C-alpha atoms as a PDB file:
ATOM      1  CA  MET A   1     -33.529  -3.982  -8.487  1.00  0.00           C
ATOM      2  CA  ARG A   2     -30.686  -4.627 -10.916  1.00  0.00           C
ATOM      3  CA  ILE A   3     -30.373  -8.089 -12.442  1.00  0.00           C
ATOM      4  CA  ILE A   4     -26.814  -8.887 -13.479  1.00  0.00           C
ATOM      5  CA  PRO A   5     -25.920 -11.991 -15.509  1.00  0.00           C
ATOM      6  CA  VAL A   6     -22.739 -13.864 -14.622  1.00  0.00           C
ATOM      7  CA  ILE A   7     -20.148 -15.781 -16.596  1.00  0.00           C
ATOM      8  CA  ASP A   8     -17.222 -17.736 -15.173  1.00  0.00           C
ATOM      9  CA  ILE A   9     -14.119 -17.903 -17.371  1.00  0.00           C
ATOM     10  CA  LEU A  10     -11.606 -20.761 -17.158  1.00  0.00           C
ATOM     11  CA  ASN A  11      -8.898 -21.326 -19.755  1.00  0.00           C
ATOM     12  CA  GLY A  12     -10.495 -18.501 -21.703  1.00  0.00           C
ATOM     13  CA  LYS A  13     -13.855 -20.290 -22.052  1.00  0.00           C
ATOM     14  CA  VAL A  14     -17.182 -19.969 -20.249  1.00  0.00           C
ATOM     15  CA  VAL A  15     -17.693 -22.778 -17.718  1.00  0.00           C
ATOM     16  CA  LYS A  16     -20.514 -23.942 -15.478  1.00  0.00           C
ATOM     17  CA  ALA A  17     -19.838 -23.044 -11.865  1.00  0.00           C
ATOM     18  CA  ILE A  18     -21.222 -25.350  -9.174  1.00  0.00           C
ATOM     19  CA  GLY A  19     -20.614 -25.025  -5.443  1.00  0.00           C
ATOM     20  CA  GLY A  20     -17.239 -23.345  -5.769  1.00  0.00           C
ATOM     21  CA  LYS A  21     -15.590 -26.669  -6.755  1.00  0.00           C
ATOM     22  CA  ARG A  22     -13.522 -25.199  -9.555  1.00  0.00           C
ATOM     23  CA  GLU A  23     -11.675 -28.413 -10.353  1.00  0.00           C
ATOM     24  CA  GLU A  24     -15.026 -29.851 -11.471  1.00  0.00           C
ATOM     25  CA  TYR A  25     -16.100 -26.941 -13.695  1.00  0.00           C
ATOM     26  CA  LYS A  26     -16.891 -27.971 -17.270  1.00  0.00           C
ATOM     27  CA  PRO A  27     -17.725 -25.988 -20.430  1.00  0.00           C
ATOM     28  CA  LEU A  28     -21.135 -24.370 -20.032  1.00  0.00           C
ATOM     29  CA  GLU A  29     -24.082 -25.596 -22.065  1.00  0.00           C
ATOM     30  CA  SER A  30     -26.611 -22.791 -22.390  1.00  0.00           C
ATOM     31  CA  VAL A  31     -29.916 -22.138 -24.126  1.00  0.00           C
ATOM     32  CA  LEU A  32     -28.587 -18.670 -24.963  1.00  0.00           C
ATOM     33  CA  THR A  33     -25.745 -19.732 -27.267  1.00  0.00           C
ATOM     34  CA  LYS A  34     -24.025 -22.915 -28.400  1.00  0.00           C
ATOM     35  CA  SER A  35     -20.659 -21.167 -28.022  1.00  0.00           C
ATOM     36  CA  THR A  36     -18.358 -21.163 -24.995  1.00  0.00           C
ATOM     37  CA  GLU A  37     -16.714 -17.889 -26.059  1.00  0.00           C
ATOM     38  CA  PRO A  38     -17.156 -15.068 -23.516  1.00  0.00           C
ATOM     39  CA  LEU A  39     -17.946 -12.489 -26.205  1.00  0.00           C
ATOM     40  CA  ASP A  40     -20.816 -14.593 -27.572  1.00  0.00           C
ATOM     41  CA  PHE A  41     -22.365 -14.741 -24.104  1.00  0.00           C
ATOM     42  CA  ALA A  42     -21.889 -11.001 -23.639  1.00  0.00           C
ATOM     43  CA  LEU A  43     -23.647 -10.331 -26.944  1.00  0.00           C
ATOM     44  CA  ALA A  44     -26.476 -12.691 -25.965  1.00  0.00           C
ATOM     45  CA  PHE A  45     -26.945 -10.926 -22.621  1.00  0.00           C
ATOM     46  CA  GLU A  46     -26.977  -7.517 -24.294  1.00  0.00           C
ATOM     47  CA  SER A  47     -29.613  -8.699 -26.773  1.00  0.00           C
ATOM     48  CA  LEU A  48     -31.783  -9.715 -23.809  1.00  0.00           C
ATOM     49  CA  GLY A  49     -31.682  -6.166 -22.472  1.00  0.00           C
ATOM     50  CA  PHE A  50     -29.045  -6.437 -19.755  1.00  0.00           C
ATOM     51  CA  LYS A  51     -26.796  -3.426 -19.114  1.00  0.00           C
ATOM     52  CA  GLU A  52     -24.136  -5.062 -16.931  1.00  0.00           C
ATOM     53  CA  LEU A  53     -22.137  -8.282 -16.862  1.00  0.00           C
ATOM     54  CA  TYR A  54     -20.359  -9.862 -13.909  1.00  0.00           C
ATOM     55  CA  LEU A  55     -17.259 -11.677 -15.150  1.00  0.00           C
ATOM     56  CA  ALA A  56     -15.460 -14.064 -12.797  1.00  0.00           C
ATOM     57  CA  ASP A  57     -12.007 -14.565 -14.308  1.00  0.00           C
ATOM     58  CA  LEU A  58     -11.040 -17.873 -12.729  1.00  0.00           C
ATOM     59  CA  ASP A  59      -7.744 -17.909 -14.626  1.00  0.00           C
ATOM     60  CA  ALA A  60      -6.769 -14.709 -12.804  1.00  0.00           C
ATOM     61  CA  ILE A  61      -8.231 -15.880  -9.486  1.00  0.00           C
ATOM     62  CA  LEU A  62      -6.040 -18.997  -9.776  1.00  0.00           C
ATOM     63  CA  GLY A  63      -2.966 -16.786 -10.203  1.00  0.00           C
ATOM     64  CA  ARG A  64      -2.509 -16.699 -13.980  1.00  0.00           C
ATOM     65  CA  GLY A  65      -3.125 -12.972 -14.361  1.00  0.00           C
ATOM     66  CA  PRO A  66      -6.158 -11.075 -15.659  1.00  0.00           C
ATOM     67  CA  ASN A  67      -7.415 -11.657 -19.230  1.00  0.00           C
ATOM     68  CA  LEU A  68      -7.219  -7.970 -20.166  1.00  0.00           C
ATOM     69  CA  SER A  69      -7.524  -8.606 -23.915  1.00  0.00           C
ATOM     70  CA  LEU A  70     -10.717 -10.586 -23.298  1.00  0.00           C
ATOM     71  CA  TYR A  71     -12.201  -7.733 -21.263  1.00  0.00           C
ATOM     72  CA  GLU A  72     -11.247  -5.258 -23.994  1.00  0.00           C
ATOM     73  CA  MET A  73     -12.914  -7.438 -26.634  1.00  0.00           C
ATOM     74  CA  ILE A  74     -16.208  -7.434 -24.741  1.00  0.00           C
ATOM     75  CA  ILE A  75     -16.000  -3.697 -24.032  1.00  0.00           C
ATOM     76  CA  SER A  76     -15.271  -2.830 -27.670  1.00  0.00           C
ATOM     77  CA  ASN A  77     -18.097  -5.008 -29.020  1.00  0.00           C
ATOM     78  CA  THR A  78     -20.867  -4.261 -26.499  1.00  0.00           C
ATOM     79  CA  ASP A  79     -22.184  -1.422 -24.353  1.00  0.00           C
ATOM     80  CA  LEU A  80     -22.148  -3.568 -21.219  1.00  0.00           C
ATOM     81  CA  ILE A  81     -20.582  -2.374 -17.990  1.00  0.00           C
ATOM     82  CA  LEU A  82     -18.213  -5.113 -16.814  1.00  0.00           C
ATOM     83  CA  MET A  83     -17.934  -6.034 -13.145  1.00  0.00           C
ATOM     84  CA  ILE A  84     -14.675  -7.976 -13.059  1.00  0.00           C
ATOM     85  CA  ASP A  85     -13.509 -10.352 -10.341  1.00  0.00           C
ATOM     86  CA  ALA A  86      -9.930 -11.193 -11.239  1.00  0.00           C
ATOM     87  CA  GLY A  87      -8.622 -12.127  -7.796  1.00  0.00           C
ATOM     88  CA  ILE A  88      -7.296  -8.593  -7.379  1.00  0.00           C
ATOM     89  CA  ASN A  89      -5.185  -7.922  -4.270  1.00  0.00           C
ATOM     90  CA  ASP A  90      -2.607  -5.674  -5.908  1.00  0.00           C
ATOM     91  CA  LEU A  91      -3.133  -1.989  -6.689  1.00  0.00           C
ATOM     92  CA  GLU A  92      -1.372  -2.088 -10.061  1.00  0.00           C
ATOM     93  CA  LYS A  93      -3.592  -4.935 -11.248  1.00  0.00           C
ATOM     94  CA  ALA A  94      -6.639  -3.060  -9.993  1.00  0.00           C
ATOM     95  CA  LYS A  95      -5.524   0.004 -11.957  1.00  0.00           C
ATOM     96  CA  SER A  96      -4.970  -2.088 -15.109  1.00  0.00           C
ATOM     97  CA  ILE A  97      -8.660  -3.028 -15.001  1.00  0.00           C
ATOM     98  CA  ASP A  98      -9.821   0.444 -13.978  1.00  0.00           C
ATOM     99  CA  ARG A  99      -8.006   1.956 -16.977  1.00  0.00           C
ATOM    100  CA  LEU A 100     -10.388   0.064 -19.244  1.00  0.00           C
ATOM    101  CA  SER A 101     -13.595   1.978 -19.896  1.00  0.00           C
ATOM    102  CA  ALA A 102     -16.924   0.700 -18.532  1.00  0.00           C
ATOM    103  CA  THR A 103     -15.450  -1.499 -15.794  1.00  0.00           C
ATOM    104  CA  ARG A 104     -15.894  -1.976 -12.062  1.00  0.00           C
ATOM    105  CA  VAL A 105     -13.214  -3.704  -9.989  1.00  0.00           C
ATOM    106  CA  ILE A 106     -14.418  -6.519  -7.736  1.00  0.00           C
ATOM    107  CA  ILE A 107     -12.291  -7.191  -4.657  1.00  0.00           C
ATOM    108  CA  GLY A 108     -13.204 -10.646  -3.380  1.00  0.00           C
ATOM    109  CA  THR A 109     -12.491 -11.549   0.231  1.00  0.00           C
ATOM    110  CA  GLU A 110     -11.559 -15.059  -0.922  1.00  0.00           C
ATOM    111  CA  THR A 111      -8.315 -13.854  -2.514  1.00  0.00           C
ATOM    112  CA  LEU A 112      -7.783 -10.782  -0.310  1.00  0.00           C
ATOM    113  CA  GLU A 113      -4.502 -10.908   1.618  1.00  0.00           C
ATOM    114  CA  SER A 114      -4.738  -7.628   3.530  1.00  0.00           C
ATOM    115  CA  ILE A 115      -7.756  -5.591   4.517  1.00  0.00           C
ATOM    116  CA  ASP A 116      -5.686  -2.430   4.030  1.00  0.00           C
ATOM    117  CA  PHE A 117      -5.766  -3.099   0.286  1.00  0.00           C
ATOM    118  CA  ILE A 118      -9.458  -2.174   0.291  1.00  0.00           C
ATOM    119  CA  ARG A 119      -8.608   1.263   1.708  1.00  0.00           C
ATOM    120  CA  LYS A 120      -5.874   1.748  -0.903  1.00  0.00           C
ATOM    121  CA  ALA A 121      -8.161   0.735  -3.756  1.00  0.00           C
ATOM    122  CA  LEU A 122     -10.941   3.059  -2.559  1.00  0.00           C
ATOM    123  CA  ASN A 123      -8.513   5.965  -2.220  1.00  0.00           C
ATOM    124  CA  SER A 124      -6.924   5.309  -5.617  1.00  0.00           C
ATOM    125  CA  LEU A 125      -9.916   4.331  -7.767  1.00  0.00           C
ATOM    126  CA  GLY A 126     -12.861   5.854  -5.922  1.00  0.00           C
ATOM    127  CA  SER A 127     -15.783   4.220  -4.140  1.00  0.00           C
ATOM    128  CA  ASP A 128     -17.878   4.244  -7.312  1.00  0.00           C
ATOM    129  CA  LYS A 129     -15.400   1.955  -9.111  1.00  0.00           C
ATOM    130  CA  VAL A 130     -14.738  -0.578  -6.334  1.00  0.00           C
ATOM    131  CA  ILE A 131     -17.142  -3.328  -5.252  1.00  0.00           C
ATOM    132  CA  VAL A 132     -16.263  -5.740  -2.456  1.00  0.00           C
ATOM    133  CA  SER A 133     -17.479  -9.333  -2.628  1.00  0.00           C
ATOM    134  CA  MET A 134     -18.002 -10.943   0.767  1.00  0.00           C
ATOM    135  CA  ASP A 135     -17.367 -14.579  -0.191  1.00  0.00           C
ATOM    136  CA  LEU A 136     -19.048 -17.117   2.075  1.00  0.00           C
ATOM    137  CA  LYS A 137     -18.807 -20.838   2.790  1.00  0.00           C
ATOM    138  CA  ASN A 138     -20.846 -22.455   5.553  1.00  0.00           C
ATOM    139  CA  GLY A 139     -22.029 -18.967   6.465  1.00  0.00           C
ATOM    140  CA  ARG A 140     -18.477 -17.791   7.199  1.00  0.00           C
ATOM    141  CA  VAL A 141     -16.444 -15.230   5.300  1.00  0.00           C
ATOM    142  CA  ILE A 142     -13.511 -16.911   3.560  1.00  0.00           C
ATOM    143  CA  SER A 143     -10.258 -15.060   2.964  1.00  0.00           C
ATOM    144  CA  ARG A 144      -6.482 -15.305   2.842  1.00  0.00           C
ATOM    145  CA  CYS A 145      -6.511 -12.464   5.371  1.00  0.00           C
ATOM    146  CA  ASN A 146      -6.388 -13.766   8.947  1.00  0.00           C
ATOM    147  CA  LEU A 147      -8.207 -10.718  10.291  1.00  0.00           C
ATOM    148  CA  ILE A 148     -11.168 -11.158   7.955  1.00  0.00           C
ATOM    149  CA  ARG A 149     -11.353 -14.891   8.674  1.00  0.00           C
ATOM    150  CA  SER A 150     -11.583 -14.151  12.387  1.00  0.00           C
ATOM    151  CA  TYR A 151     -14.744 -12.061  11.960  1.00  0.00           C
ATOM    152  CA  ASN A 152     -18.326 -13.018  11.213  1.00  0.00           C
ATOM    153  CA  LYS A 153     -20.051 -11.557   8.157  1.00  0.00           C
ATOM    154  CA  TYR A 154     -21.753  -8.792  10.146  1.00  0.00           C
ATOM    155  CA  THR A 155     -18.446  -7.545  11.532  1.00  0.00           C
ATOM    156  CA  VAL A 156     -16.867  -7.694   8.069  1.00  0.00           C
ATOM    157  CA  ALA A 157     -19.817  -5.770   6.621  1.00  0.00           C
ATOM    158  CA  ARG A 158     -19.421  -3.145   9.367  1.00  0.00           C
ATOM    159  CA  LEU A 159     -15.713  -2.768   8.562  1.00  0.00           C
ATOM    160  CA  LEU A 160     -16.449  -2.335   4.865  1.00  0.00           C
ATOM    161  CA  HIS A 161     -19.167   0.182   5.647  1.00  0.00           C
ATOM    162  CA  ASN A 162     -16.774   2.158   7.864  1.00  0.00           C
ATOM    163  CA  PHE A 163     -14.130   2.111   5.099  1.00  0.00           C
ATOM    164  CA  GLY A 164     -16.602   3.827   2.781  1.00  0.00           C
ATOM    165  CA  VAL A 165     -17.458   0.854   0.558  1.00  0.00           C
ATOM    166  CA  GLN A 166     -20.720   1.695  -1.199  1.00  0.00           C
ATOM    167  CA  THR A 167     -21.566  -1.643  -2.795  1.00  0.00           C
ATOM    168  CA  ILE A 168     -21.092  -5.120  -1.346  1.00  0.00           C
ATOM    169  CA  ILE A 169     -21.785  -8.487  -2.919  1.00  0.00           C
ATOM    170  CA  VAL A 170     -22.842 -11.294  -0.610  1.00  0.00           C
ATOM    171  CA  LEU A 171     -21.747 -14.366  -2.553  1.00  0.00           C
ATOM    172  CA  ASP A 172     -22.534 -17.804  -1.162  1.00  0.00           C
ATOM    173  CA  LEU A 173     -20.015 -19.946  -3.038  1.00  0.00           C
ATOM    174  CA  GLU A 174     -21.527 -23.232  -1.888  1.00  0.00           C
ATOM    175  CA  LYS A 175     -24.880 -22.266  -3.390  1.00  0.00           C
ATOM    176  CA  VAL A 176     -23.472 -21.169  -6.756  1.00  0.00           C
ATOM    177  CA  GLY A 177     -25.111 -23.181  -9.534  1.00  0.00           C
ATOM    178  CA  THR A 178     -27.391 -25.126  -7.175  1.00  0.00           C
ATOM    179  CA  GLU A 179     -30.646 -23.124  -7.601  1.00  0.00           C
ATOM    180  CA  THR A 180     -31.531 -23.943  -3.983  1.00  0.00           C
ATOM    181  CA  GLY A 181     -32.671 -20.419  -3.149  1.00  0.00           C
ATOM    182  CA  VAL A 182     -31.274 -17.496  -1.199  1.00  0.00           C
ATOM    183  CA  ASN A 183     -31.597 -17.266   2.576  1.00  0.00           C
ATOM    184  CA  ILE A 184     -33.883 -14.219   2.595  1.00  0.00           C
ATOM    185  CA  SER A 185     -33.854 -13.748   6.378  1.00  0.00           C
ATOM    186  CA  GLU A 186     -30.036 -13.607   6.496  1.00  0.00           C
ATOM    187  CA  VAL A 187     -29.907 -11.070   3.687  1.00  0.00           C
ATOM    188  CA  LYS A 188     -32.606  -8.976   5.371  1.00  0.00           C
ATOM    189  CA  LYS A 189     -30.611  -8.965   8.598  1.00  0.00           C
ATOM    190  CA  LEU A 190     -27.642  -7.403   6.795  1.00  0.00           C
ATOM    191  CA  LEU A 191     -29.891  -4.828   5.150  1.00  0.00           C
ATOM    192  CA  ASP A 192     -31.500  -3.920   8.475  1.00  0.00           C
ATOM    193  CA  ILE A 193     -28.111  -3.269  10.063  1.00  0.00           C
ATOM    194  CA  PHE A 194     -26.192  -1.493   7.301  1.00  0.00           C
ATOM    195  CA  ASP A 195     -26.979   1.229   4.793  1.00  0.00           C
ATOM    196  CA  LEU A 196     -25.298  -0.387   1.805  1.00  0.00           C
ATOM    197  CA  ASN A 197     -26.023  -1.233  -1.801  1.00  0.00           C
ATOM    198  CA  LEU A 198     -26.267  -4.995  -1.436  1.00  0.00           C
ATOM    199  CA  LEU A 199     -25.885  -7.398  -4.352  1.00  0.00           C
ATOM    200  CA  VAL A 200     -26.732 -11.051  -3.766  1.00  0.00           C
ATOM    201  CA  GLY A 201     -25.345 -14.071  -5.603  1.00  0.00           C
ATOM    202  CA  GLY A 202     -25.378 -17.831  -5.261  1.00  0.00           C
ATOM    203  CA  GLY A 203     -28.341 -20.180  -5.507  1.00  0.00           C
ATOM    204  CA  ILE A 204     -31.040 -17.850  -6.826  1.00  0.00           C
ATOM    205  CA  ARG A 205     -33.861 -20.181  -7.740  1.00  0.00           C
ATOM    206  CA  ASP A 206     -36.543 -18.442  -9.811  1.00  0.00           C
ATOM    207  CA  ILE A 207     -38.515 -15.266 -10.450  1.00  0.00           C
ATOM    208  CA  LYS A 208     -40.233 -15.627  -7.064  1.00  0.00           C
ATOM    209  CA  ASN A 209     -36.831 -15.556  -5.352  1.00  0.00           C
ATOM    210  CA  LEU A 210     -35.989 -12.357  -7.224  1.00  0.00           C
ATOM    211  CA  ARG A 211     -39.267 -10.764  -6.147  1.00  0.00           C
ATOM    212  CA  GLU A 212     -38.515 -11.681  -2.517  1.00  0.00           C
ATOM    213  CA  LEU A 213     -35.099 -10.040  -2.752  1.00  0.00           C
ATOM    214  CA  ARG A 214     -36.547  -6.910  -4.304  1.00  0.00           C
ATOM    215  CA  LYS A 215     -39.217  -6.708  -1.619  1.00  0.00           C
ATOM    216  CA  ILE A 216     -36.660  -6.565   1.202  1.00  0.00           C
ATOM    217  CA  GLY A 217     -34.642  -3.851  -0.558  1.00  0.00           C
ATOM    218  CA  VAL A 218     -31.786  -5.727  -2.239  1.00  0.00           C
ATOM    219  CA  PHE A 219     -29.929  -3.482  -4.699  1.00  0.00           C
ATOM    220  CA  GLY A 220     -29.171  -6.210  -7.237  1.00  0.00           C
ATOM    221  CA  ALA A 221     -28.978  -9.932  -7.916  1.00  0.00           C
ATOM    222  CA  LEU A 222     -26.369 -11.998  -9.756  1.00  0.00           C
ATOM    223  CA  ILE A 223     -27.858 -14.815 -11.828  1.00  0.00           C
ATOM    224  CA  ALA A 224     -26.371 -17.501 -14.049  1.00  0.00           C
ATOM    225  CA  SER A 225     -27.771 -21.055 -13.961  1.00  0.00           C
ATOM    226  CA  ILE A 226     -31.449 -20.084 -14.197  1.00  0.00           C
ATOM    227  CA  LEU A 227     -30.650 -18.047 -17.311  1.00  0.00           C
ATOM    228  CA  HIS A 228     -28.549 -20.703 -18.984  1.00  0.00           C
ATOM    229  CA  ASN A 229     -30.994 -23.570 -18.438  1.00  0.00           C
ATOM    230  CA  GLY A 230     -34.017 -21.479 -19.422  1.00  0.00           C
ATOM    231  CA  ARG A 231     -35.691 -21.612 -16.023  1.00  0.00           C
ATOM    232  CA  ILE A 232     -36.052 -17.850 -16.239  1.00  0.00           C
ATOM    233  CA  THR A 233     -36.605 -16.056 -19.545  1.00  0.00           C
ATOM    234  CA  LYS A 234     -36.519 -12.550 -20.949  1.00  0.00           C
ATOM    235  CA  GLU A 235     -40.312 -12.537 -20.799  1.00  0.00           C
ATOM    236  CA  ASP A 236     -40.254 -13.505 -17.105  1.00  0.00           C
ATOM    237  CA  LEU A 237     -37.842 -10.687 -16.310  1.00  0.00           C
ATOM    238  CA  LYS A 238     -39.823  -8.169 -18.372  1.00  0.00           C
ATOM    239  CA  SER A 239     -43.153  -9.110 -16.829  1.00  0.00           C
ATOM    240  CA  GLY A 240     -41.552  -8.870 -13.387  1.00  0.00           C
ATOM    241  CA  GLY A 241     -40.215  -5.390 -14.155  1.00  0.00           C
ATOM    242  CA  PHE A 242     -36.581  -6.442 -13.856  1.00  0.00           C
ATOM    243  CA  ILE A 243     -35.451  -5.422 -17.360  1.00  0.00           C
END
């Protein structure tokens, strides 16, 4: 199972994400670095043995446009593969990220305005470069798209599967930063129904939680808080066979 560290960027700095309440996000204090610069976090993650980095560009998600120069800085100074959520719902913006080497484009349902955009992105970029994040609140998929909002998460997952999406993130925004644990039974239900590479994010609590996710066949896990506060260490991940 892949373990992928996460950073949230706001005003060009790394911030602590809690419960999706972005107006309350403050600069992140981490045991990994005293800096709030994205590149310093990327370098710290690489030194720990990680191969990928999930970057949530909140500036772009809030409509200010993607921080392309920031992505390029990380790419040119590390060997990390960047998974970038920049609120993409426009093909040209998706292509601007795809043109950068070592990137994957995240399409989040939260900012998605039309489900047809997923088809266009898959056709243009390829299924290996596009990851769809099914963003949840109160167990429901949130989206700007009326059609997606009208469906439950199982129906949305079925649609994505039928479109040819290979990798889906199930991201519980309310659990982000809370370390309250993942609902294993709900994740297992999705895995039992659909043949997908499933990444899970939001609320992962500890190494035991990661082992539970691996046991049921989860493809990867997104982690942030438990890394930054030292609740999980490089040694824990190594001894668990995660890195």
